[in-house]
Amino acid sequence: MAAPLDVEIWKDVQIYYGQVLKKSADLQTNACVTAARPVPKHIQEALRNVHEEVALRYYGCGLVIPECLENCWILDLGCGSGRDCYALSQLVGENGHVTGIDMTEDQVEVAKKYLDYHMEKYGFQASNVNFIHGYIEKLGEAGLKNESYDIVVSNCVINLVPDKQQVLQEVYRVLKHGGELYFSDVYASLELPEEIRTNKILWGECLGGALYWKDLAILAQKIGFCLPRLVTANLITIQNKELERIIGDCHFVSATFRLFKHRKTGPAKRCQVIYNGGITGHEKELIFDTNFTFKKGEAVEVDEETAAILKNSRFAQDFLIRPAGEKLPTSGGCSTLESKDIITDPFQLAEESENMKSRCAPDVAGRCCGTKESC
């Protein structure tokens, strides 16, 4: 049985997203409208094909469309009106499938209205999407079976759930071995005080339930996931003076992480890997996370966990993996792990991104102040 506070939070969130918010412009912070990294052309096209009403009720804080999706089975936690589900359904193709689950019935009803529209838009013989009204920390009650999905995505929703460990445990259960949780969410710079955690508007704005960013790695490893891989991060600004007063010295970022579930088998040493360029939309290079970018034909030295993830996931067919030091057939150079400063702090990444934008701001003549490469 859920705790009384959890039930109250569920009700408040459902009211906020089902009745208070009618469109993304109603939000009082930029937590749910922060920009992600540049979007590949094929994903832009998939997003443009989503029905206008569905897109207008989008409240995500990032882009949760990872790479290598053909024929995958995907679960979207907190799918809302279904924008990400419908984009993903086009990318997985007719042999793939997307399930969306959300606790706000009004949102689920909007999503269901457009099943036939998108099936016809994509030219599919049958819809490859279904939507469920339910709770993301109770996937079993919603009928979702063990090891039934290749990928789980979530866009700015886990912060709305009081018991985040239970959410991650349920995700781990429904993921296949080698599967991935690819998700954007909001993180706090410190453990949140009660004044923030009990504010209804801040909960609805995805701030009141934000996880202290260092706790994500603790929870993930406790459950059995690999260490979180940081992909993108953006600083969050508050557009309300009263909320700024309540928040005080706490800062927030929206960040995208990827968590992999794989058996503890694989390379025990660092390896060299070569990307073959076979992933749609990423033929020249694959930006795996903020620390590793794989260019086609170039040997890259990686740590043992990264090598194990590539070898045991859906990415296996797209990489040649060999022990470090072994000569590989490569058309480019080789980058080594020793020269890399591994970034795990989303606030550090967000600040570096802001500094880069500042350096690249156009001068009075409309030119970028930095070099072409840095912009």
Protein backbone atom coordinates (compact mmCIF):
# COMPACT_ATOMS: atom_id res chain seq x y z
CA MET A 1 0.00 0.00 0.00
CA ALA A 2 1.31 3.44 -0.92
CA ALA A 3 2.25 5.88 1.84
CA PRO A 4 -0.23 8.77 2.40
CA LEU A 5 2.36 11.32 1.19
CA ASP A 6 2.93 9.33 -2.02
CA VAL A 7 -0.80 9.23 -2.72
CA GLU A 8 -1.05 12.99 -2.19
CA ILE A 9 1.84 13.61 -4.57
CA TRP A 10 0.28 11.33 -7.21
CA LYS A 11 -2.98 13.32 -7.00
CA ASP A 12 -1.22 16.69 -7.16
CA VAL A 13 0.84 15.67 -10.20
CA GLN A 14 -2.21 14.28 -12.02
CA ILE A 15 -4.10 17.53 -11.41
CA TYR A 16 -1.13 19.63 -12.52
CA TYR A 17 -0.57 17.73 -15.78
CA GLY A 18 -4.19 16.84 -16.46
CA GLN A 19 -5.92 20.12 -15.59
CA VAL A 20 -3.51 22.99 -14.79
CA LEU A 21 -1.18 22.56 -17.76
CA LYS A 22 -2.84 22.70 -21.17
CA LYS A 23 0.30 23.35 -23.21
CA SER A 24 4.06 23.69 -22.62
CA ALA A 25 3.77 27.51 -22.52
CA ASP A 26 1.93 27.19 -19.17
CA LEU A 27 5.10 26.02 -17.38
CA GLN A 28 6.76 28.37 -14.86
CA THR A 29 10.36 27.14 -15.31
CA ASN A 30 12.38 25.94 -18.30
CA ALA A 31 12.91 22.51 -16.68
CA CYS A 32 10.65 20.85 -19.23
CA VAL A 33 11.71 22.85 -22.29
CA THR A 34 15.51 22.84 -22.12
CA ALA A 35 17.38 22.15 -25.33
CA ALA A 36 19.18 18.90 -26.01
CA ARG A 37 22.12 18.42 -28.36
CA PRO A 38 21.58 18.86 -32.15
CA VAL A 39 18.95 16.47 -33.48
CA PRO A 40 19.81 14.17 -36.42
CA LYS A 41 17.78 14.74 -39.57
CA HIS A 42 15.87 11.43 -39.45
CA ILE A 43 14.72 12.18 -35.88
CA GLN A 44 13.66 15.72 -36.83
CA GLU A 45 11.50 14.19 -39.55
CA ALA A 46 9.97 11.67 -37.11
CA LEU A 47 9.12 14.48 -34.67
CA ARG A 48 7.56 16.58 -37.44
CA ASN A 49 5.24 13.70 -38.28
CA VAL A 50 3.69 13.71 -34.80
CA HIS A 51 0.19 15.20 -34.66
CA GLU A 52 0.06 18.86 -33.57
CA GLU A 53 -2.16 18.34 -30.50
CA VAL A 54 0.15 15.61 -29.22
CA ALA A 55 3.23 17.79 -29.72
CA LEU A 56 1.66 20.83 -28.00
CA ARG A 57 1.16 18.84 -24.78
CA TYR A 58 4.82 17.80 -24.62
CA TYR A 59 6.51 18.47 -21.25
CA GLY A 60 9.87 16.68 -21.59
CA CYS A 61 13.28 18.03 -20.54
CA GLY A 62 15.40 16.41 -23.25
CA LEU A 63 15.44 14.14 -26.27
CA VAL A 64 14.99 10.49 -25.34
CA ILE A 65 15.48 8.95 -28.76
CA PRO A 66 18.71 6.94 -28.66
CA GLU A 67 20.46 5.25 -31.57
CA CYS A 68 20.10 1.84 -33.23
CA LEU A 69 16.33 1.42 -32.87
CA GLU A 70 15.25 -0.75 -35.80
CA ASN A 71 12.93 -3.60 -34.68
CA CYS A 72 13.35 -2.76 -30.99
CA TRP A 73 10.67 -3.05 -28.32
CA ILE A 74 10.57 0.18 -26.34
CA LEU A 75 8.76 1.24 -23.17
CA ASP A 76 8.16 4.95 -22.49
CA LEU A 77 7.72 5.76 -18.79
CA GLY A 78 5.39 8.70 -18.24
CA CYS A 79 4.49 8.93 -21.92
CA GLY A 80 2.09 11.84 -21.46
CA SER A 81 0.22 12.61 -24.67
CA GLY A 82 2.54 10.31 -26.62
CA ARG A 83 4.92 12.57 -28.55
CA ASP A 84 8.02 10.49 -27.94
CA CYS A 85 6.10 7.23 -28.41
CA TYR A 86 4.86 8.22 -31.85
CA ALA A 87 8.30 9.44 -32.95
CA LEU A 88 9.89 6.22 -31.69
CA SER A 89 7.22 4.07 -33.35
CA GLN A 90 8.24 5.40 -36.75
CA LEU A 91 11.92 4.74 -36.03
CA VAL A 92 11.53 1.16 -34.76
CA GLY A 93 9.50 0.30 -37.84
CA GLU A 94 6.56 -2.02 -38.29
CA ASN A 95 8.43 -4.98 -36.73
CA GLY A 96 9.22 -3.00 -33.59
CA HIS A 97 6.82 -1.91 -30.87
CA VAL A 98 6.39 1.00 -28.44
CA THR A 99 4.42 0.94 -25.19
CA GLY A 100 3.60 4.15 -23.34
CA ILE A 101 2.49 4.23 -19.71
CA ASP A 102 1.28 7.28 -17.77
CA MET A 103 -0.64 7.85 -14.53
CA THR A 104 -2.58 10.87 -15.86
CA GLU A 105 -5.67 9.54 -17.58
CA ASP A 106 -6.36 12.78 -19.47
CA GLN A 107 -2.93 12.56 -21.12
CA VAL A 108 -3.35 8.88 -22.04
CA GLU A 109 -6.72 9.63 -23.66
CA VAL A 110 -5.12 12.31 -25.85
CA ALA A 111 -2.42 9.82 -26.90
CA LYS A 112 -4.92 7.10 -27.77
CA LYS A 113 -6.93 9.45 -30.02
CA TYR A 114 -4.19 9.45 -32.63
CA LEU A 115 -3.28 5.77 -32.97
CA ASP A 116 -4.94 5.45 -36.39
CA TYR A 117 -3.64 8.84 -37.53
CA HIS A 118 0.00 7.87 -37.02
CA MET A 119 -0.42 4.34 -38.37
CA GLU A 120 -1.73 5.82 -41.63
CA LYS A 121 0.89 8.61 -41.59
CA TYR A 122 3.70 6.04 -41.42
CA GLY A 123 2.09 3.64 -43.90
CA PHE A 124 1.90 0.77 -41.40
CA GLN A 125 -0.59 -2.07 -41.83
CA ALA A 126 -1.23 -2.12 -38.09
CA SER A 127 -0.37 0.19 -35.21
CA ASN A 128 2.86 -0.69 -33.39
CA VAL A 129 1.99 1.46 -30.34
CA ASN A 130 -0.17 0.92 -27.27
CA PHE A 131 -0.85 3.12 -24.25
CA ILE A 132 -1.49 2.06 -20.65
CA HIS A 133 -2.95 4.05 -17.76
CA GLY A 134 -0.75 3.08 -14.80
CA TYR A 135 2.14 3.91 -12.51
CA ILE A 136 5.76 3.67 -13.60
CA GLU A 137 6.82 2.26 -10.22
CA LYS A 138 4.18 -0.49 -10.59
CA LEU A 139 4.88 -1.92 -14.03
CA GLY A 140 3.97 -5.42 -12.86
CA GLU A 141 0.46 -4.28 -11.97
CA ALA A 142 0.21 -2.85 -15.48
CA GLY A 143 0.95 -6.31 -16.92
CA LEU A 144 4.51 -5.72 -18.13
CA LYS A 145 6.57 -8.92 -18.03
CA ASN A 146 10.18 -9.63 -17.08
CA GLU A 147 12.83 -9.01 -19.74
CA SER A 148 10.33 -7.88 -22.37
CA TYR A 149 11.89 -4.64 -23.64
CA ASP A 150 15.13 -3.74 -25.41
CA ILE A 151 15.00 -0.09 -24.35
CA VAL A 152 13.15 1.92 -21.71
CA VAL A 153 12.96 5.69 -22.14
CA SER A 154 11.68 8.40 -19.82
CA ASN A 155 11.44 12.13 -20.40
CA CYS A 156 11.37 14.26 -17.24
CA VAL A 157 9.10 11.90 -15.28
CA ILE A 158 11.11 9.90 -12.73
CA ASN A 159 11.53 13.07 -10.65
CA LEU A 160 7.73 13.11 -10.21
CA VAL A 161 7.78 9.75 -8.40
CA PRO A 162 8.56 9.69 -4.65
CA ASP A 163 10.13 6.19 -4.71
CA LYS A 164 12.79 6.42 -7.41
CA GLN A 165 14.49 3.19 -6.35
CA GLN A 166 11.27 1.29 -7.03
CA VAL A 167 11.07 2.83 -10.52
CA LEU A 168 14.62 1.75 -11.34
CA GLN A 169 14.02 -1.73 -9.94
CA GLU A 170 10.96 -2.14 -12.15
CA VAL A 171 12.89 -0.89 -15.19
CA TYR A 172 15.67 -3.37 -14.47
CA ARG A 173 13.10 -6.16 -14.26
CA VAL A 174 11.40 -5.47 -17.61
CA LEU A 175 14.65 -4.84 -19.52
CA LYS A 176 16.27 -7.66 -21.45
CA HIS A 177 19.92 -8.41 -20.68
CA GLY A 178 21.91 -5.93 -22.72
CA GLY A 179 18.98 -3.52 -22.56
CA GLU A 180 19.15 0.16 -21.75
CA LEU A 181 17.34 2.86 -19.81
CA TYR A 182 17.86 6.07 -21.79
CA PHE A 183 16.30 8.96 -19.91
CA SER A 184 16.25 12.69 -19.33
CA ASP A 185 15.41 14.05 -15.93
CA VAL A 186 16.01 16.89 -13.48
CA TYR A 187 18.75 16.76 -10.84
CA ALA A 188 19.54 18.93 -7.83
CA SER A 189 22.92 20.24 -6.70
CA LEU A 190 22.22 19.16 -3.11
CA GLU A 191 19.83 17.13 -0.98
CA LEU A 192 16.55 19.04 -1.16
CA PRO A 193 15.21 20.63 2.05
CA GLU A 194 11.62 19.98 3.11
CA GLU A 195 10.38 23.41 1.96
CA ILE A 196 11.22 22.46 -1.63
CA ARG A 197 10.14 18.81 -1.37
CA THR A 198 6.66 19.73 -0.11
CA ASN A 199 5.88 22.56 -2.55
CA LYS A 200 3.13 21.44 -4.95
CA ILE A 201 4.11 23.80 -7.77
CA LEU A 202 7.77 22.80 -7.56
CA TRP A 203 6.73 19.12 -7.73
CA GLY A 204 4.65 19.84 -10.81
CA GLU A 205 7.51 21.81 -12.35
CA CYS A 206 9.80 18.76 -11.90
CA LEU A 207 11.97 20.42 -9.24
CA GLY A 208 10.45 19.37 -5.90
CA GLY A 209 11.15 15.69 -6.53
CA ALA A 210 14.53 16.10 -8.20
CA LEU A 211 17.19 13.59 -7.17
CA TYR A 212 20.53 14.77 -5.78
CA TRP A 213 22.69 13.97 -8.80
CA LYS A 214 25.26 11.87 -6.90
CA ASP A 215 22.50 9.55 -5.66
CA LEU A 216 21.73 8.30 -9.16
CA ALA A 217 24.94 6.26 -9.37
CA ILE A 218 24.35 4.85 -5.87
CA LEU A 219 20.82 3.71 -6.72
CA ALA A 220 21.77 2.36 -10.15
CA GLN A 221 24.60 0.18 -8.88
CA LYS A 222 22.56 -1.02 -5.92
CA ILE A 223 19.97 -2.39 -8.34
CA GLY A 224 22.50 -3.90 -10.75
CA PHE A 225 22.91 -1.37 -13.55
CA CYS A 226 26.29 -0.28 -14.85
CA LEU A 227 27.49 3.16 -13.81
CA PRO A 228 25.36 5.95 -15.38
CA ARG A 229 26.69 7.36 -18.66
CA LEU A 230 26.16 11.14 -18.91
CA VAL A 231 24.98 12.25 -22.37
CA THR A 232 23.81 15.89 -22.14
CA ALA A 233 23.11 18.50 -19.45
CA ASN A 234 21.53 21.95 -19.41
CA LEU A 235 21.09 24.48 -16.60
CA ILE A 236 17.52 25.16 -15.49
CA THR A 237 16.27 28.71 -14.94
CA ILE A 238 13.32 29.76 -12.78
CA GLN A 239 10.82 32.22 -14.24
CA ASN A 240 9.00 32.95 -11.00
CA LYS A 241 10.31 35.20 -8.19
CA GLU A 242 8.44 33.37 -5.42
CA LEU A 243 9.80 30.00 -6.55
CA GLU A 244 13.31 31.51 -6.69
CA ARG A 245 12.94 32.55 -3.05
CA ILE A 246 11.92 29.05 -1.99
CA ILE A 247 14.73 27.38 -3.94
CA GLY A 248 17.45 29.62 -2.50
CA ASP A 249 20.97 28.29 -3.10
CA CYS A 250 19.87 25.05 -4.72
CA HIS A 251 20.56 24.67 -8.44
CA PHE A 252 19.02 22.34 -10.98
CA VAL A 253 20.00 20.80 -14.29
CA SER A 254 18.17 18.70 -16.83
CA ALA A 255 20.41 15.82 -17.85
CA THR A 256 20.24 12.76 -20.05
CA PHE A 257 21.84 9.54 -18.80
CA ARG A 258 22.00 6.02 -20.14
CA LEU A 259 21.95 2.99 -17.85
CA PHE A 260 22.75 -0.48 -19.19
CA LYS A 261 21.72 -3.84 -17.82
CA HIS A 262 24.18 -6.58 -18.77
CA ARG A 263 25.57 -9.74 -17.31
CA LYS A 264 28.87 -9.22 -15.53
CA THR A 265 30.73 -10.91 -18.33
CA GLY A 266 32.86 -9.47 -21.05
CA PRO A 267 36.31 -7.97 -21.47
CA ALA A 268 38.23 -7.80 -18.20
CA LYS A 269 40.72 -5.30 -19.61
CA ARG A 270 40.61 -2.14 -21.63
CA CYS A 271 39.94 -2.61 -25.30
CA GLN A 272 40.20 -0.88 -28.60
CA VAL A 273 36.95 -0.56 -30.53
CA ILE A 274 36.21 0.49 -34.11
CA TYR A 275 32.78 1.75 -35.15
CA ASN A 276 31.69 0.49 -38.57
CA GLY A 277 29.27 3.35 -39.32
CA GLY A 278 26.22 1.13 -39.66
CA ILE A 279 23.72 3.02 -37.45
CA THR A 280 21.05 5.05 -39.26
CA GLY A 281 21.60 8.78 -38.87
CA HIS A 282 25.04 8.25 -37.33
CA GLU A 283 26.96 6.88 -40.30
CA LYS A 284 30.04 9.09 -39.80
CA GLU A 285 30.20 9.19 -36.01
CA LEU A 286 28.32 7.98 -32.95
CA ILE A 287 28.28 10.27 -29.92
CA PHE A 288 27.77 7.56 -27.32
CA ASP A 289 27.96 9.88 -24.32
CA THR A 290 29.79 13.05 -23.33
CA ASN A 291 33.02 11.07 -22.85
CA PHE A 292 33.07 8.80 -25.91
CA THR A 293 32.56 9.69 -29.55
CA PHE A 294 33.22 6.93 -32.07
CA LYS A 295 34.13 7.96 -35.61
CA LYS A 296 33.75 5.46 -38.41
CA GLY A 297 36.93 3.47 -38.96
CA GLU A 298 38.83 5.05 -36.06
CA ALA A 299 40.20 2.92 -33.21
CA VAL A 300 39.24 4.22 -29.78
CA GLU A 301 40.61 2.85 -26.52
CA VAL A 302 37.87 2.31 -23.92
CA ASP A 303 37.68 1.03 -20.35
CA GLU A 304 36.54 -2.51 -19.66
CA GLU A 305 32.98 -1.53 -18.70
CA THR A 306 32.43 0.45 -21.90
CA ALA A 307 33.78 -2.48 -23.92
CA ALA A 308 31.45 -4.88 -22.08
CA ILE A 309 28.45 -2.62 -22.73
CA LEU A 310 29.19 -2.44 -26.45
CA LYS A 311 29.77 -6.17 -26.67
CA ASN A 312 26.62 -7.21 -24.77
CA SER A 313 24.09 -4.68 -26.09
CA ARG A 314 22.30 -3.94 -29.35
CA PHE A 315 25.45 -2.08 -30.44
CA ALA A 316 27.53 -5.28 -30.71
CA GLN A 317 27.07 -5.71 -34.46
CA ASP A 318 28.30 -2.16 -35.09
CA PHE A 319 31.71 -2.48 -33.40
CA LEU A 320 34.91 -4.45 -33.79
CA ILE A 321 36.26 -5.03 -30.28
CA ARG A 322 39.79 -6.24 -29.49
CA PRO A 323 42.13 -6.12 -26.45
CA ALA A 324 44.07 -2.86 -26.12
CA GLY A 325 47.45 -3.10 -27.82
CA GLU A 326 46.28 -5.49 -30.51
CA LYS A 327 46.68 -4.06 -34.00
CA LEU A 328 43.32 -3.32 -35.60
CA PRO A 329 42.45 -2.60 -39.24
CA THR A 330 41.72 1.11 -39.05
CA SER A 331 41.31 3.88 -41.58
CA GLY A 332 41.96 6.62 -39.04
CA GLY A 333 43.97 7.42 -35.97
CA CYS A 334 43.62 6.08 -32.45
CA SER A 335 42.51 8.00 -29.38
CA THR A 336 43.50 6.66 -25.97
CA LEU A 337 41.66 6.53 -22.68
CA GLU A 338 44.53 7.99 -20.65
CA SER A 339 44.16 11.40 -22.29
CA LYS A 340 40.47 11.74 -21.38
CA ASP A 341 39.01 13.56 -18.39
CA ILE A 342 35.87 11.52 -17.69
CA ILE A 343 32.86 13.74 -16.89
CA THR A 344 30.20 12.36 -14.57
CA ASP A 345 28.88 15.60 -13.01
CA PRO A 346 25.94 17.06 -15.01
CA PHE A 347 26.51 20.49 -13.47
CA GLN A 348 30.09 20.50 -14.77
CA LEU A 349 28.90 19.53 -18.24
CA ALA A 350 26.11 22.12 -18.21
CA GLU A 351 28.51 24.88 -17.17
CA GLU A 352 31.00 23.88 -19.86
CA SER A 353 28.20 23.94 -22.43
CA GLU A 354 27.12 27.42 -21.28
CA ASN A 355 30.71 28.66 -21.50
CA MET A 356 30.99 27.27 -25.00
CA LYS A 357 27.79 29.07 -26.03
CA SER A 358 29.13 32.32 -24.55
CA ARG A 359 32.42 32.00 -26.45
CA CYS A 360 30.46 31.35 -29.63
CA ALA A 361 28.05 34.25 -29.24
CA PRO A 362 28.07 36.36 -32.42
CA ASP A 363 29.84 39.73 -32.26
CA VAL A 364 28.31 42.98 -33.53
CA ALA A 365 29.16 42.04 -37.10
CA GLY A 366 27.25 38.80 -36.71
CA ARG A 367 30.34 36.60 -36.64
CA CYS A 368 31.12 33.94 -34.11
CA CYS A 369 33.77 35.06 -31.66
CA GLY A 370 35.43 31.63 -31.59
CA THR A 371 36.89 29.41 -34.27
CA LYS A 372 34.72 27.57 -36.74
CA GLU A 373 35.61 24.25 -35.12
CA SER A 374 34.57 25.38 -31.63
CA CYS A 375 31.16 26.54 -32.79
